[in-house]
Amino acid sequence: MKNFFKKMKGALTGRGGQSALITALVVLLVVIVNVFLYSLGTALRWYKRYTPTDDLSLMGDTDALFAEAIEDGREITITFCRSEGEMWAHSSGKYVINTARLLQEKYPTLLRLRFVNIITMRDHETEERVDLNKYRTDMNGNETVINSTSVIFSSGDNYRVITDTVSSLGYSDFFGINSSGAVYAYNGEEIISSMMSWVLTDEHRTVYFTKGHGETADVTLTNLISCLGFYVDVIDLSHHSVPEDAAAVVISNPKNDFERAAAGSSIKIKAELERLDEYLLSGGRLLAAFDPYSKRLPKLEAFIAECGIVLSGGTDADGVYCRDIIKDSALSVNTAGTTFVTEPGSGEAAQRLASVVSKYSADKVLVSECSALTLSGGAEALLVSSGSSEATRGDETVSSDGGFATVALADYGEAGGSVCVSSTVLLTTGDVMASSGYANRTFVIALLDELTDAPCTPYGCNIVSTDTTTLQNLTMREAKIYTAVILAVPVLLAVLGAVLIIKRKNA
């Protein structure tokens, strides 16, 4: 042993030993730096999200949906209008049947699957006749389509039919589809769980989207509202008052103004905003989303301003009116600073929503192309930009105060009415709602829950992305820090190398 240590000492004190020792130290340093970067990146979520395209496991918080029904011995039947073998062989149907089977394994006493031949109307397994014709009208008496892609949820006298009538995909309602018709995600767990919950509920109200002003609504939002247990319909306020079954009214991206009766008019004519006012004063709920680059809507904006929510703006250097656009160069995910992550507001409702979101997601809500909201009275900010953000008007900065409201909530009247305003229409776009890198979906569900007193709905369901080019979850501030740390590694290695070379020359 003594001779061994003598040899080791000689090897390390020689020129070759020193080189080996320095090489070992450099390798150790690289390992330490890699461990540090990995730990830091995991803690701060510095990575691009690639949602697994083959993970079809159940993840949602569904036990609360079905506990009472299981205890009462109720049963839900899901009827597929083709054989189980055909479902597994279908390019999109195999996803649906897989999720249905997983839910049946989880709730064996509650859920039953049935496969019916749509031509003979006989059960593929028992050969019993199944009358599918009774499902050709929904529970409101409206006509429904039954074909081979239909999936029928039923429990007792309640039923709901989902049929793909808009695409060649088959079962498109269980998937996220963008405006180009391309599939970006599979959302079967949430859809099936929600429809199971839907048929366990006896009363269903309706969320009405206004029309007649160039409104556009993202299909992701309408599908989500259906998952909350509501019917979705449109309403023309110029001809109709808001029906009594309304859970909420949505004004989504209007391009033209709403009408209001002339002040002091002796003829009592209910214009659009009078009908909306009447609905809100009776306890109604309004959700309005605006595009900051659209033209001004003076009457509608004045109506909302009465609640204490103002879409701020003014004239730019050229005398042209424009909105005050929020830019956050630190917490943005694009170089322009217009797409950025937000923080919850400090008010009671904002914190209530934040507590729900944090339960199911460690991420933040992403917004894009927002104008600043100016609040007064009892209006409360639900989402705000960071303290490093600024409001710009054209090419000029009009405020660097930060903390600008992007989504706000205000009470309306004394009967429990409320108005929620989003200064962006991009809060519910398909890519951000399907991304596991942001909490938008959970936030929107919690917000609609807050507004509509929605029936119990599943949170945290697994959304399987079929498009791996998801949004980047790395803000500009984090990117700069990450880049600086990465650059420090080769600089450090270069310094060590220079020291080694100089030492060798001087030896």
Protein backbone atom coordinates (compact mmCIF):
# COMPACT_ATOMS: atom_id res chain seq x y z
CA MET A 1 0.00 0.00 0.00
CA LYS A 2 2.89 2.35 0.87
CA ASN A 3 4.51 1.75 -2.53
CA PHE A 4 1.13 2.21 -4.28
CA PHE A 5 0.58 5.64 -2.73
CA LYS A 6 4.16 6.66 -3.57
CA LYS A 7 3.51 5.80 -7.21
CA MET A 8 0.20 7.69 -7.20
CA LYS A 9 1.87 10.75 -5.68
CA GLY A 10 4.56 10.67 -8.33
CA ALA A 11 1.99 10.31 -11.11
CA LEU A 12 -0.09 13.24 -9.87
CA THR A 13 2.88 15.55 -9.32
CA GLY A 14 4.24 14.88 -12.80
CA ARG A 15 3.17 16.79 -15.89
CA GLY A 16 0.90 14.00 -17.13
CA GLY A 17 -0.69 13.62 -13.71
CA GLN A 18 -1.51 17.30 -13.52
CA SER A 19 -3.16 17.19 -16.95
CA ALA A 20 -5.23 14.18 -15.94
CA LEU A 21 -6.24 15.89 -12.71
CA ILE A 22 -7.28 19.09 -14.50
CA THR A 23 -9.21 17.05 -17.09
CA ALA A 24 -11.04 15.23 -14.31
CA LEU A 25 -11.85 18.52 -12.60
CA VAL A 26 -13.18 19.99 -15.87
CA VAL A 27 -15.38 16.91 -16.45
CA LEU A 28 -16.64 17.17 -12.87
CA LEU A 29 -17.37 20.87 -13.37
CA VAL A 30 -19.35 20.17 -16.54
CA VAL A 31 -21.39 17.52 -14.69
CA ILE A 32 -22.08 19.95 -11.84
CA VAL A 33 -23.13 22.71 -14.25
CA ASN A 34 -25.45 20.30 -16.09
CA VAL A 35 -27.06 19.20 -12.83
CA PHE A 36 -27.45 22.86 -11.85
CA LEU A 37 -29.05 23.82 -15.18
CA TYR A 38 -31.37 20.82 -15.08
CA SER A 39 -32.49 21.59 -11.53
CA LEU A 40 -32.91 25.29 -12.28
CA GLY A 41 -34.79 24.58 -15.50
CA THR A 42 -37.11 22.14 -13.75
CA ALA A 43 -37.81 24.55 -10.89
CA LEU A 44 -38.48 27.50 -13.18
CA ARG A 45 -40.06 25.37 -15.94
CA TRP A 46 -37.48 26.45 -18.53
CA TYR A 47 -38.31 24.12 -21.35
CA LYS A 48 -40.47 23.75 -24.40
CA ARG A 49 -43.55 21.65 -23.80
CA TYR A 50 -43.96 18.52 -25.88
CA THR A 51 -47.14 16.84 -24.68
CA PRO A 52 -46.87 13.06 -25.17
CA THR A 53 -48.92 12.02 -28.19
CA ASP A 54 -49.51 8.48 -26.91
CA ASP A 55 -50.37 9.04 -23.25
CA LEU A 56 -54.10 8.31 -23.14
CA SER A 57 -54.28 7.66 -19.40
CA LEU A 58 -56.93 9.26 -17.20
CA MET A 59 -55.85 12.30 -15.21
CA GLY A 60 -59.00 14.30 -14.44
CA ASP A 61 -60.57 14.98 -11.05
CA THR A 62 -63.78 13.08 -11.85
CA ASP A 63 -64.61 11.38 -8.55
CA ALA A 64 -66.57 14.42 -7.34
CA LEU A 65 -68.72 14.20 -10.49
CA PHE A 66 -69.93 10.69 -9.94
CA ALA A 67 -69.70 9.91 -6.20
CA GLU A 68 -73.34 10.69 -5.47
CA ALA A 69 -74.60 8.87 -8.59
CA ILE A 70 -72.62 5.74 -7.67
CA GLU A 71 -73.97 5.86 -4.13
CA ASP A 72 -77.55 6.15 -5.48
CA GLY A 73 -76.99 3.17 -7.80
CA ARG A 74 -77.52 5.13 -11.02
CA GLU A 75 -76.28 3.92 -14.39
CA ILE A 76 -74.98 5.70 -17.49
CA THR A 77 -75.01 4.05 -20.91
CA ILE A 78 -72.71 5.11 -23.73
CA THR A 79 -74.01 3.85 -27.05
CA PHE A 80 -71.67 3.62 -30.06
CA CYS A 81 -73.30 3.24 -33.46
CA ARG A 82 -70.91 0.56 -34.70
CA SER A 83 -69.25 -2.55 -33.32
CA GLU A 84 -66.43 -2.37 -30.83
CA GLY A 85 -64.06 -3.91 -33.38
CA GLU A 86 -64.94 -1.16 -35.85
CA MET A 87 -64.30 1.46 -33.16
CA TRP A 88 -60.82 0.09 -32.44
CA ALA A 89 -60.08 -0.07 -36.18
CA HIS A 90 -61.21 3.53 -36.79
CA SER A 91 -58.39 6.10 -37.00
CA SER A 92 -60.03 8.50 -34.53
CA GLY A 93 -62.64 6.22 -32.95
CA LYS A 94 -59.93 4.11 -31.31
CA TYR A 95 -59.04 7.05 -29.06
CA VAL A 96 -62.66 7.45 -27.97
CA ILE A 97 -63.28 3.78 -27.22
CA ASN A 98 -59.98 3.57 -25.32
CA THR A 99 -61.00 6.42 -23.00
CA ALA A 100 -64.50 5.00 -22.57
CA ARG A 101 -63.08 1.62 -21.56
CA LEU A 102 -60.69 3.24 -19.08
CA LEU A 103 -63.59 5.14 -17.49
CA GLN A 104 -65.64 1.94 -17.36
CA GLU A 105 -62.79 0.20 -15.53
CA LYS A 106 -62.67 3.11 -13.08
CA TYR A 107 -66.47 3.19 -12.53
CA PRO A 108 -67.69 -0.36 -13.31
CA THR A 109 -71.03 -0.03 -11.51
CA LEU A 110 -71.84 3.33 -13.06
CA LEU A 111 -70.87 3.02 -16.72
CA ARG A 112 -72.06 0.59 -19.38
CA LEU A 113 -70.93 0.53 -23.00
CA ARG A 114 -73.25 -0.59 -25.77
CA PHE A 115 -72.51 -1.14 -29.47
CA VAL A 116 -75.45 -0.94 -31.87
CA ASN A 117 -75.75 -1.66 -35.59
CA ILE A 118 -77.18 1.56 -37.02
CA ILE A 119 -78.90 -0.29 -39.87
CA THR A 120 -80.59 -3.13 -37.97
CA MET A 121 -80.70 -1.18 -34.68
CA ARG A 122 -79.63 -4.29 -32.81
CA ASP A 123 -77.07 -4.59 -30.04
CA HIS A 124 -73.96 -6.28 -31.46
CA GLU A 125 -73.54 -8.36 -28.32
CA THR A 126 -77.08 -9.27 -27.18
CA GLU A 127 -78.92 -8.93 -30.52
CA GLU A 128 -81.61 -6.96 -28.70
CA ARG A 129 -83.32 -4.19 -30.65
CA VAL A 130 -82.36 -0.65 -29.61
CA ASP A 131 -84.65 2.21 -30.64
CA LEU A 132 -82.22 4.90 -31.81
CA ASN A 133 -85.04 6.98 -33.30
CA LYS A 134 -85.95 8.43 -29.90
CA TYR A 135 -82.61 10.21 -29.90
CA ARG A 136 -83.24 12.00 -33.21
CA THR A 137 -84.49 15.02 -31.26
CA ASP A 138 -82.66 16.44 -28.26
CA MET A 139 -84.24 17.13 -24.88
CA ASN A 140 -85.33 20.57 -26.12
CA GLY A 141 -87.08 19.10 -29.17
CA ASN A 142 -84.44 20.15 -31.69
CA GLU A 143 -83.48 17.73 -34.45
CA THR A 144 -80.28 15.74 -34.02
CA VAL A 145 -78.36 13.61 -36.49
CA ILE A 146 -77.74 9.92 -35.87
CA ASN A 147 -75.10 8.22 -38.01
CA SER A 148 -72.24 5.75 -37.60
CA THR A 149 -70.09 8.36 -35.79
CA SER A 150 -72.79 9.13 -33.20
CA VAL A 151 -72.04 8.60 -29.53
CA ILE A 152 -75.14 8.63 -27.32
CA PHE A 153 -74.94 9.28 -23.57
CA SER A 154 -78.04 8.36 -21.58
CA SER A 155 -79.15 7.94 -17.98
CA GLY A 156 -82.80 7.49 -17.08
CA ASP A 157 -84.79 9.97 -19.18
CA ASN A 158 -81.77 12.20 -19.87
CA TYR A 159 -79.66 11.82 -22.99
CA ARG A 160 -77.18 13.70 -25.15
CA VAL A 161 -76.08 12.84 -28.70
CA ILE A 162 -72.66 13.76 -30.11
CA THR A 163 -72.36 13.30 -33.87
CA ASP A 164 -69.58 14.38 -36.20
CA THR A 165 -71.38 16.33 -38.94
CA VAL A 166 -68.64 18.82 -39.78
CA SER A 167 -65.52 16.86 -40.69
CA SER A 168 -64.24 13.76 -42.42
CA LEU A 169 -62.29 12.88 -39.29
CA GLY A 170 -65.13 11.12 -37.51
CA TYR A 171 -65.64 11.86 -33.80
CA SER A 172 -64.29 15.39 -34.28
CA ASP A 173 -66.13 16.61 -31.15
CA PHE A 174 -63.66 14.64 -29.06
CA PHE A 175 -60.72 16.45 -30.64
CA GLY A 176 -59.45 20.02 -30.85
CA ILE A 177 -59.62 21.29 -34.43
CA ASN A 178 -58.24 24.65 -35.56
CA SER A 179 -59.74 27.05 -38.11
CA SER A 180 -57.96 25.20 -40.93
CA GLY A 181 -59.63 21.92 -39.98
CA ALA A 182 -56.41 20.38 -38.63
CA VAL A 183 -56.45 18.36 -35.41
CA TYR A 184 -54.19 19.71 -32.69
CA ALA A 185 -55.26 17.65 -29.65
CA TYR A 186 -57.40 14.78 -28.38
CA ASN A 187 -59.67 15.80 -25.50
CA GLY A 188 -61.77 12.69 -25.05
CA GLU A 189 -61.41 12.36 -21.28
CA GLU A 190 -62.94 15.78 -20.64
CA ILE A 191 -65.70 15.36 -23.24
CA ILE A 192 -66.79 11.88 -22.12
CA SER A 193 -66.61 12.74 -18.40
CA SER A 194 -68.56 15.94 -18.99
CA MET A 195 -71.28 14.24 -21.01
CA MET A 196 -71.59 11.56 -18.34
CA SER A 197 -72.06 14.34 -15.80
CA TRP A 198 -74.47 16.09 -18.19
CA VAL A 199 -76.94 13.19 -18.33
CA LEU A 200 -76.86 12.86 -14.53
CA THR A 201 -78.20 16.44 -14.28
CA ASP A 202 -81.90 17.05 -14.83
CA GLU A 203 -81.90 20.77 -15.65
CA HIS A 204 -79.71 22.43 -18.27
CA ARG A 205 -79.53 26.12 -18.96
CA THR A 206 -78.18 27.84 -22.07
CA VAL A 207 -75.25 30.15 -22.75
CA TYR A 208 -76.20 32.58 -25.52
CA PHE A 209 -73.71 34.12 -27.94
CA THR A 210 -74.83 37.41 -29.47
CA LYS A 211 -74.95 37.80 -33.23
CA GLY A 212 -75.42 40.60 -35.75
CA HIS A 213 -72.24 42.56 -34.99
CA GLY A 214 -69.60 40.50 -36.78
CA GLU A 215 -68.90 38.39 -33.71
CA THR A 216 -66.62 35.38 -33.96
CA ALA A 217 -66.26 32.73 -31.27
CA ASP A 218 -63.51 30.16 -31.00
CA VAL A 219 -64.93 26.64 -31.22
CA THR A 220 -62.70 25.73 -28.27
CA LEU A 221 -64.75 28.05 -26.07
CA THR A 222 -68.13 26.76 -27.25
CA ASN A 223 -67.03 23.15 -26.73
CA LEU A 224 -65.81 24.01 -23.25
CA ILE A 225 -69.15 25.60 -22.38
CA SER A 226 -70.91 22.41 -23.52
CA CYS A 227 -68.59 20.45 -21.24
CA LEU A 228 -69.72 22.62 -18.34
CA GLY A 229 -73.25 21.26 -18.77
CA PHE A 230 -74.89 24.00 -20.85
CA TYR A 231 -76.60 24.22 -24.18
CA VAL A 232 -74.99 26.73 -26.56
CA ASP A 233 -77.18 28.96 -28.73
CA VAL A 234 -77.14 32.37 -30.44
CA ILE A 235 -79.37 35.36 -29.79
CA ASP A 236 -80.21 38.48 -31.78
CA LEU A 237 -80.82 41.16 -29.15
CA SER A 238 -82.26 43.50 -31.76
CA HIS A 239 -85.34 41.24 -31.95
CA HIS A 240 -85.37 39.14 -28.77
CA SER A 241 -84.93 39.59 -25.06
CA VAL A 242 -82.60 37.24 -23.23
CA PRO A 243 -84.56 34.03 -22.45
CA GLU A 244 -85.20 32.94 -18.87
CA ASP A 245 -83.07 29.82 -19.27
CA ALA A 246 -79.92 31.89 -19.92
CA ALA A 247 -76.94 31.05 -17.73
CA ALA A 248 -74.86 33.78 -19.37
CA VAL A 249 -74.58 35.96 -22.47
CA VAL A 250 -71.30 36.08 -24.39
CA ILE A 251 -70.20 38.91 -26.68
CA SER A 252 -67.16 37.56 -28.50
CA ASN A 253 -65.02 39.83 -30.67
CA PRO A 254 -67.70 42.25 -31.94
CA LYS A 255 -66.80 44.35 -34.98
CA ASN A 256 -69.85 46.63 -35.02
CA ASP A 257 -71.57 48.55 -32.26
CA PHE A 258 -74.73 47.61 -30.37
CA GLU A 259 -77.82 49.79 -30.48
CA ARG A 260 -79.19 51.83 -27.59
CA ALA A 261 -82.51 53.69 -27.47
CA ALA A 262 -82.22 57.45 -27.77
CA ALA A 263 -82.15 59.25 -24.42
CA GLY A 264 -85.41 61.01 -23.58
CA SER A 265 -87.35 59.24 -26.31
CA SER A 266 -91.08 59.18 -25.61
CA ILE A 267 -91.46 55.91 -27.49
CA LYS A 268 -90.38 53.00 -25.31
CA ILE A 269 -88.53 50.74 -27.71
CA LYS A 270 -86.21 48.11 -26.31
CA ALA A 271 -82.94 48.29 -28.17
CA GLU A 272 -80.12 45.77 -27.78
CA LEU A 273 -78.41 47.34 -24.79
CA GLU A 274 -81.74 47.95 -23.02
CA ARG A 275 -82.48 44.23 -23.32
CA LEU A 276 -79.02 43.40 -22.04
CA ASP A 277 -79.43 45.86 -19.15
CA GLU A 278 -82.77 44.28 -18.26
CA TYR A 279 -81.19 40.83 -18.21
CA LEU A 280 -78.23 41.90 -16.04
CA LEU A 281 -80.42 43.77 -13.55
CA SER A 282 -82.34 40.54 -13.02
CA GLY A 283 -79.11 38.76 -12.01
CA GLY A 284 -77.73 37.85 -15.44
CA ARG A 285 -74.07 37.33 -16.33
CA LEU A 286 -72.17 38.82 -19.27
CA LEU A 287 -68.79 37.81 -20.68
CA ALA A 288 -67.35 40.18 -23.29
CA ALA A 289 -64.05 39.73 -25.17
CA PHE A 290 -62.60 42.47 -27.38
CA ASP A 291 -59.99 42.74 -30.11
CA PRO A 292 -57.91 45.84 -29.29
CA TYR A 293 -57.19 46.42 -32.98
CA SER A 294 -60.84 46.64 -33.99
CA LYS A 295 -62.61 49.95 -34.37
CA ARG A 296 -64.20 51.69 -31.37
CA LEU A 297 -67.66 50.62 -30.25
CA PRO A 298 -68.83 53.75 -28.37
CA LYS A 299 -72.25 52.54 -27.23
CA LEU A 300 -71.15 49.11 -26.06
CA GLU A 301 -68.01 50.51 -24.43
CA ALA A 302 -70.04 53.17 -22.63
CA PHE A 303 -72.42 50.46 -21.41
CA ILE A 304 -69.53 48.46 -19.95
CA ALA A 305 -67.88 51.60 -18.56
CA GLU A 306 -70.95 52.11 -16.33
CA CYS A 307 -69.71 49.03 -14.42
CA GLY A 308 -66.30 50.60 -13.90
CA ILE A 309 -64.41 48.82 -16.71
CA VAL A 310 -62.93 50.99 -19.47
CA LEU A 311 -60.92 49.85 -22.49
CA SER A 312 -58.23 52.51 -22.28
CA GLY A 313 -56.94 54.31 -25.35
CA GLY A 314 -56.47 57.69 -26.98
CA THR A 315 -55.03 59.46 -30.00
CA ASP A 316 -51.47 58.71 -31.09
CA ALA A 317 -48.90 61.17 -32.47
CA ASP A 318 -50.76 61.22 -35.79
CA GLY A 319 -54.09 62.04 -34.16
CA VAL A 320 -55.48 58.53 -34.79
CA TYR A 321 -57.39 56.85 -31.97
CA CYS A 322 -55.94 53.52 -30.85
CA ARG A 323 -55.99 51.28 -27.83
CA ASP A 324 -53.29 51.26 -25.18
CA ILE A 325 -51.53 47.97 -25.95
CA ILE A 326 -49.73 46.15 -23.13
CA LYS A 327 -46.15 45.05 -23.76
CA ASP A 328 -44.02 43.09 -21.33
CA SER A 329 -40.46 42.70 -22.55
CA ALA A 330 -39.49 40.60 -19.52
CA LEU A 331 -42.33 38.08 -19.24
CA SER A 332 -43.27 37.83 -22.90
CA VAL A 333 -42.73 34.73 -25.01
CA ASN A 334 -42.33 36.72 -28.23
CA THR A 335 -39.82 39.41 -29.13
CA ALA A 336 -42.53 42.06 -29.63
CA GLY A 337 -43.56 41.71 -25.99
CA THR A 338 -47.27 41.42 -26.79
CA THR A 339 -47.71 37.76 -25.79
CA PHE A 340 -46.92 37.31 -22.12
CA VAL A 341 -47.78 35.41 -18.95
CA THR A 342 -49.98 37.08 -16.35
CA GLU A 343 -50.46 37.11 -12.62
CA PRO A 344 -53.74 36.84 -10.68
CA GLY A 345 -55.18 40.06 -9.31
CA SER A 346 -55.21 40.80 -5.60
CA GLY A 347 -59.01 40.87 -5.15
CA GLU A 348 -61.21 38.24 -3.58
CA ALA A 349 -62.57 36.76 -6.82
CA ALA A 350 -59.11 36.74 -8.43
CA GLN A 351 -57.61 34.88 -5.50
CA ARG A 352 -60.50 32.44 -5.47
CA LEU A 353 -59.84 31.61 -9.14
CA ALA A 354 -56.09 31.45 -8.51
CA SER A 355 -56.58 28.88 -5.75
CA VAL A 356 -58.51 26.63 -8.14
CA VAL A 357 -55.94 27.04 -10.92
CA SER A 358 -53.00 26.30 -8.62
CA LYS A 359 -54.62 23.05 -7.56
CA TYR A 360 -54.40 21.65 -11.08
CA SER A 361 -51.56 23.59 -12.70
CA ALA A 362 -48.27 25.16 -11.62
CA ASP A 363 -48.26 27.31 -14.74
CA LYS A 364 -49.57 30.79 -15.50
CA VAL A 365 -52.19 32.12 -17.89
CA LEU A 366 -50.89 33.32 -21.25
CA VAL A 367 -52.50 36.28 -23.03
CA SER A 368 -51.77 38.00 -26.31
CA GLU A 369 -52.59 41.32 -27.97
CA CYS A 370 -54.20 42.94 -24.90
CA SER A 371 -55.30 46.47 -24.31
CA ALA A 372 -55.09 47.86 -20.80
CA LEU A 373 -58.29 47.99 -18.75
CA THR A 374 -58.87 50.99 -16.49
CA LEU A 375 -60.94 50.04 -13.44
CA SER A 376 -63.02 52.09 -11.05
CA GLY A 377 -65.72 51.57 -8.45
CA GLY A 378 -65.96 47.93 -7.41
CA ALA A 379 -64.45 46.50 -10.58
CA GLU A 380 -61.77 43.89 -9.84
CA ALA A 381 -58.81 42.75 -11.94
CA LEU A 382 -58.74 38.97 -12.40
CA LEU A 383 -55.52 38.88 -14.44
CA VAL A 384 -52.80 41.54 -14.50
CA SER A 385 -49.52 42.03 -16.33
CA SER A 386 -46.26 42.16 -14.40
CA GLY A 387 -44.75 45.25 -12.82
CA SER A 388 -42.25 45.43 -15.69
CA SER A 389 -44.92 45.88 -18.36
CA GLU A 390 -45.84 49.10 -20.11
CA ALA A 391 -48.78 50.49 -22.04
CA THR A 392 -48.05 51.75 -25.55
CA ARG A 393 -50.11 53.85 -27.89
CA GLY A 394 -48.86 53.50 -31.41
CA ASP A 395 -45.08 53.82 -31.14
CA GLU A 396 -45.18 55.79 -27.88
CA THR A 397 -45.13 54.56 -24.28
CA VAL A 398 -47.98 56.16 -22.32
CA SER A 399 -47.40 54.38 -19.00
CA SER A 400 -44.63 52.31 -17.44
CA ASP A 401 -46.44 51.66 -14.18
CA GLY A 402 -47.02 47.96 -14.90
CA GLY A 403 -49.70 45.78 -13.35
CA PHE A 404 -52.29 46.50 -16.05
CA ALA A 405 -55.58 44.61 -15.89
CA THR A 406 -56.26 42.31 -18.85
CA VAL A 407 -59.37 40.52 -17.54
CA ALA A 408 -61.74 42.21 -15.07
CA LEU A 409 -64.98 41.49 -13.24
CA ALA A 410 -67.63 43.92 -11.97
CA ASP A 411 -71.01 43.61 -10.25
CA TYR A 412 -74.12 44.83 -12.06
CA GLY A 413 -77.12 45.89 -10.03
CA GLU A 414 -78.23 44.45 -6.71
CA ALA A 415 -79.65 41.13 -7.92
CA GLY A 416 -76.32 39.38 -8.41
CA GLY A 417 -75.66 40.37 -12.01
CA SER A 418 -72.05 40.61 -13.15
CA VAL A 419 -69.96 41.65 -16.15
CA CYS A 420 -66.60 40.09 -17.06
CA VAL A 421 -64.44 41.79 -19.71
CA SER A 422 -61.38 40.39 -21.46
CA SER A 423 -59.26 42.87 -23.39
CA THR A 424 -58.07 40.08 -25.68
CA VAL A 425 -59.88 37.51 -27.81
CA LEU A 426 -56.85 35.22 -27.72
CA LEU A 427 -57.36 33.97 -24.17
CA THR A 428 -59.14 30.84 -25.42
CA THR A 429 -57.37 30.02 -28.69
CA GLY A 430 -56.95 26.33 -29.42
CA ASP A 431 -53.17 26.06 -29.16
CA VAL A 432 -52.90 27.71 -25.76
CA MET A 433 -55.95 25.86 -24.40
CA ALA A 434 -54.42 22.53 -25.44
CA SER A 435 -50.91 23.33 -24.22
CA SER A 436 -49.80 21.73 -20.97
CA GLY A 437 -47.41 24.65 -20.57
CA TYR A 438 -50.08 27.16 -19.58
CA ALA A 439 -53.05 27.25 -17.22
CA ASN A 440 -55.50 28.89 -19.65
CA ARG A 441 -57.91 25.97 -19.81
CA THR A 442 -58.17 25.59 -16.05
CA PHE A 443 -58.54 29.36 -15.63
CA VAL A 444 -61.34 29.61 -18.21
CA ILE A 445 -63.20 26.68 -16.63
CA ALA A 446 -62.87 28.28 -13.20
CA LEU A 447 -63.98 31.65 -14.61
CA LEU A 448 -67.08 30.18 -16.26
CA ASP A 449 -67.79 28.30 -13.04
CA GLU A 450 -67.58 31.61 -11.18
CA LEU A 451 -69.84 33.41 -13.66
CA THR A 452 -72.50 30.79 -14.30
CA ASP A 453 -72.61 28.64 -11.17
CA ALA A 454 -71.92 25.73 -13.48
CA PRO A 455 -72.73 22.14 -12.57
CA CYS A 456 -69.78 20.16 -11.26
CA THR A 457 -67.30 19.77 -14.11
CA PRO A 458 -64.05 17.79 -14.40
CA TYR A 459 -60.79 19.65 -13.84
CA GLY A 460 -57.34 18.48 -14.85
CA CYS A 461 -58.34 16.10 -17.64
CA ASN A 462 -55.64 14.74 -19.91
CA ILE A 463 -55.38 16.60 -23.23
CA VAL A 464 -53.18 14.67 -25.65
CA SER A 465 -51.49 16.98 -28.12
CA THR A 466 -51.19 15.70 -31.69
CA ASP A 467 -49.09 18.73 -32.66
CA THR A 468 -45.69 18.85 -30.96
CA THR A 469 -45.02 22.42 -32.07
CA THR A 470 -46.63 23.75 -28.91
CA LEU A 471 -46.10 27.20 -27.51
CA GLN A 472 -42.79 28.07 -25.95
CA ASN A 473 -42.86 28.18 -22.15
CA LEU A 474 -39.83 30.45 -21.78
CA THR A 475 -40.18 34.17 -21.16
CA MET A 476 -37.70 36.69 -22.57
CA ARG A 477 -36.25 37.37 -19.11
CA GLU A 478 -35.71 33.67 -18.48
CA ALA A 479 -34.27 33.23 -21.96
CA LYS A 480 -31.66 35.92 -21.28
CA ILE A 481 -30.66 34.33 -17.96
CA TYR A 482 -30.58 30.88 -19.53
CA THR A 483 -28.45 32.15 -22.43
CA ALA A 484 -26.03 33.87 -20.03
CA VAL A 485 -25.61 30.69 -17.98
CA ILE A 486 -25.10 28.58 -21.10
CA LEU A 487 -22.48 31.00 -22.45
CA ALA A 488 -20.66 30.96 -19.12
CA VAL A 489 -19.81 27.27 -19.54
CA PRO A 490 -17.60 27.54 -22.68
CA VAL A 491 -16.06 30.75 -21.34
CA LEU A 492 -15.08 28.96 -18.14
CA LEU A 493 -13.67 26.01 -20.10
CA ALA A 494 -11.67 28.41 -22.29
CA VAL A 495 -10.17 30.08 -19.23
CA LEU A 496 -9.20 26.72 -17.75
CA GLY A 497 -7.69 25.65 -21.06
CA ALA A 498 -5.65 28.86 -21.28
CA VAL A 499 -4.34 28.34 -17.75
CA LEU A 500 -3.33 24.78 -18.61
CA ILE A 501 -1.49 25.83 -21.80
CA ILE A 502 0.38 28.66 -20.03
CA LYS A 503 1.36 26.32 -17.20
CA ARG A 504 2.71 23.76 -19.64
CA LYS A 505 4.78 26.35 -21.49
CA ASN A 506 6.27 27.61 -18.27
CA ALA A 507 6.98 24.15 -16.93
